[in-house]
Amino acid sequence: RKTLTSTYRHASGTIFTIDKYGNIEINNNSAVLGENGSLIIGIQGNVAFAVEGDTTIETNKGCSVIAGGDVIIDSVEGDVSLGHGLEMNLVNNLPACLVTGAPHSTQKNVRA
């Protein structure tokens, strides 16, 4: 091919493209509004992502992380931002310590 791009178009409207640099795009925007498909990946082993640039996961609905073990959020440098949701006391939702009476922190940016 002249463009060195491979494209597979499915009858459902899903398009799978690999460009000349090896970038992969999966687009499942259906031609019929409200009938978009899902992307389901089932893996028996471990998964590791090594990314040199920024990574963004964006959804206009809810997002869940379900783990059978520990969940670790780590930042080698910089803050871990807990977002813009409702103000919450991060310790245990009590406004103050039951022993000393000291107020609990409501800071959403935490040093990693």
Protein backbone atom coordinates (compact mmCIF):
# COMPACT_ATOMS: atom_id res chain seq x y z
CA ARG A 1 0.00 0.00 0.00
CA LYS A 2 1.17 3.51 -0.69
CA THR A 3 0.17 4.81 2.75
CA LEU A 4 1.61 1.76 4.58
CA THR A 5 -1.62 1.74 6.61
CA SER A 6 -3.73 -1.41 7.06
CA THR A 7 -7.43 -0.99 7.81
CA TYR A 8 -10.03 -3.64 8.60
CA ARG A 9 -13.67 -2.50 8.54
CA HIS A 10 -16.30 -4.75 10.05
CA ALA A 11 -19.99 -4.71 9.07
CA SER A 12 -20.84 -3.52 12.62
CA GLY A 13 -18.98 -0.27 12.00
CA THR A 14 -15.86 -1.21 13.99
CA ILE A 15 -12.62 -0.12 12.33
CA PHE A 16 -9.19 -1.57 13.21
CA THR A 17 -6.23 0.40 11.78
CA ILE A 18 -2.45 -0.04 11.95
CA ASP A 19 -0.46 2.87 10.51
CA LYS A 20 3.08 2.88 9.08
CA TYR A 21 4.55 3.63 12.53
CA GLY A 22 2.84 0.66 14.19
CA ASN A 23 0.21 2.77 15.96
CA ILE A 24 -3.00 0.79 16.49
CA GLU A 25 -6.46 2.37 16.58
CA ILE A 26 -9.67 0.50 17.36
CA ASN A 27 -12.79 2.56 16.74
CA ASN A 28 -16.16 0.98 17.45
CA ASN A 29 -18.35 4.01 16.82
CA SER A 30 -21.37 2.37 15.27
CA ALA A 31 -23.13 3.96 12.33
CA VAL A 32 -26.34 3.76 14.42
CA LEU A 33 -26.35 6.07 17.46
CA GLY A 34 -26.73 4.19 20.74
CA GLU A 35 -25.63 0.83 19.33
CA ASN A 36 -21.90 1.03 20.02
CA GLY A 37 -20.14 -2.22 20.77
CA SER A 38 -17.84 -3.10 23.64
CA LEU A 39 -14.14 -3.91 23.78
CA ILE A 40 -13.53 -6.96 25.95
CA ILE A 41 -10.02 -8.29 26.50
CA GLY A 42 -9.60 -11.57 28.39
CA ILE A 43 -6.09 -12.49 29.51
CA GLN A 44 -5.06 -15.54 31.54
CA GLY A 45 -1.66 -14.17 32.60
CA ASN A 46 -0.23 -10.87 33.79
CA VAL A 47 -0.55 -7.54 31.98
CA ALA A 48 2.05 -4.77 32.04
CA PHE A 49 1.86 -1.39 30.31
CA ALA A 50 5.10 0.52 29.77
CA VAL A 51 4.30 4.02 28.49
CA GLU A 52 6.88 6.70 27.68
CA GLY A 53 4.30 9.50 27.39
CA ASP A 54 1.20 10.62 29.26
CA THR A 55 -1.66 8.14 29.64
CA THR A 56 -5.31 9.11 29.88
CA ILE A 57 -8.38 6.99 30.52
CA GLU A 58 -11.47 9.05 29.82
CA THR A 59 -15.10 7.96 30.13
CA ASN A 60 -18.36 9.87 30.14
CA LYS A 61 -19.81 7.26 32.50
CA GLY A 62 -18.52 5.50 35.64
CA CYS A 63 -15.18 3.73 35.92
CA SER A 64 -14.36 0.79 38.20
CA VAL A 65 -11.18 -0.91 39.30
CA ILE A 66 -11.90 -4.35 40.73
CA ALA A 67 -8.97 -6.23 42.23
CA GLY A 68 -8.68 -9.54 44.02
CA GLY A 69 -5.60 -8.17 45.79
CA ASP A 70 -3.91 -4.88 46.63
CA VAL A 71 -4.41 -1.75 44.53
CA ILE A 72 -1.31 0.44 44.42
CA ILE A 73 -1.33 3.99 43.07
CA ASP A 74 2.18 5.39 43.00
CA SER A 75 3.81 8.51 41.63
CA VAL A 76 7.60 8.56 41.38
CA GLU A 77 7.48 12.35 41.50
CA GLY A 78 4.60 14.75 41.84
CA ASP A 79 1.22 14.59 43.52
CA VAL A 80 -1.49 11.96 43.35
CA SER A 81 -4.69 13.92 42.71
CA LEU A 82 -7.86 12.38 44.09
CA GLY A 83 -10.08 14.39 41.77
CA HIS A 84 -12.91 16.85 41.94
CA GLY A 85 -15.69 14.78 43.55
CA LEU A 86 -17.60 15.73 46.65
CA GLU A 87 -15.49 16.89 49.59
CA MET A 88 -14.71 13.87 51.75
CA ASN A 89 -12.63 13.24 54.85
CA LEU A 90 -10.03 10.82 53.57
CA VAL A 91 -9.26 9.08 56.85
CA ASN A 92 -12.62 7.54 57.65
CA ASN A 93 -15.27 10.20 56.96
CA LEU A 94 -15.26 11.41 60.55
CA PRO A 95 -14.69 15.17 60.69
CA ALA A 96 -12.34 14.88 63.68
CA CYS A 97 -10.23 12.32 65.51
CA LEU A 98 -12.26 10.56 68.20
CA VAL A 99 -9.25 10.46 70.56
CA THR A 100 -7.64 13.90 70.22
CA GLY A 101 -10.40 15.93 68.55
CA ALA A 102 -7.99 17.08 65.82
CA PRO A 103 -9.67 17.71 62.46
CA HIS A 104 -9.09 15.14 59.74
CA SER A 105 -7.60 16.31 56.46
CA THR A 106 -9.82 16.93 53.45
CA GLN A 107 -6.83 17.57 51.16
CA LYS A 108 -7.31 15.92 47.75
CA ASN A 109 -3.69 16.27 46.57
CA VAL A 110 -1.45 13.89 48.45
CA ARG A 111 2.34 13.66 48.18
CA ALA A 112 3.32 10.26 46.81
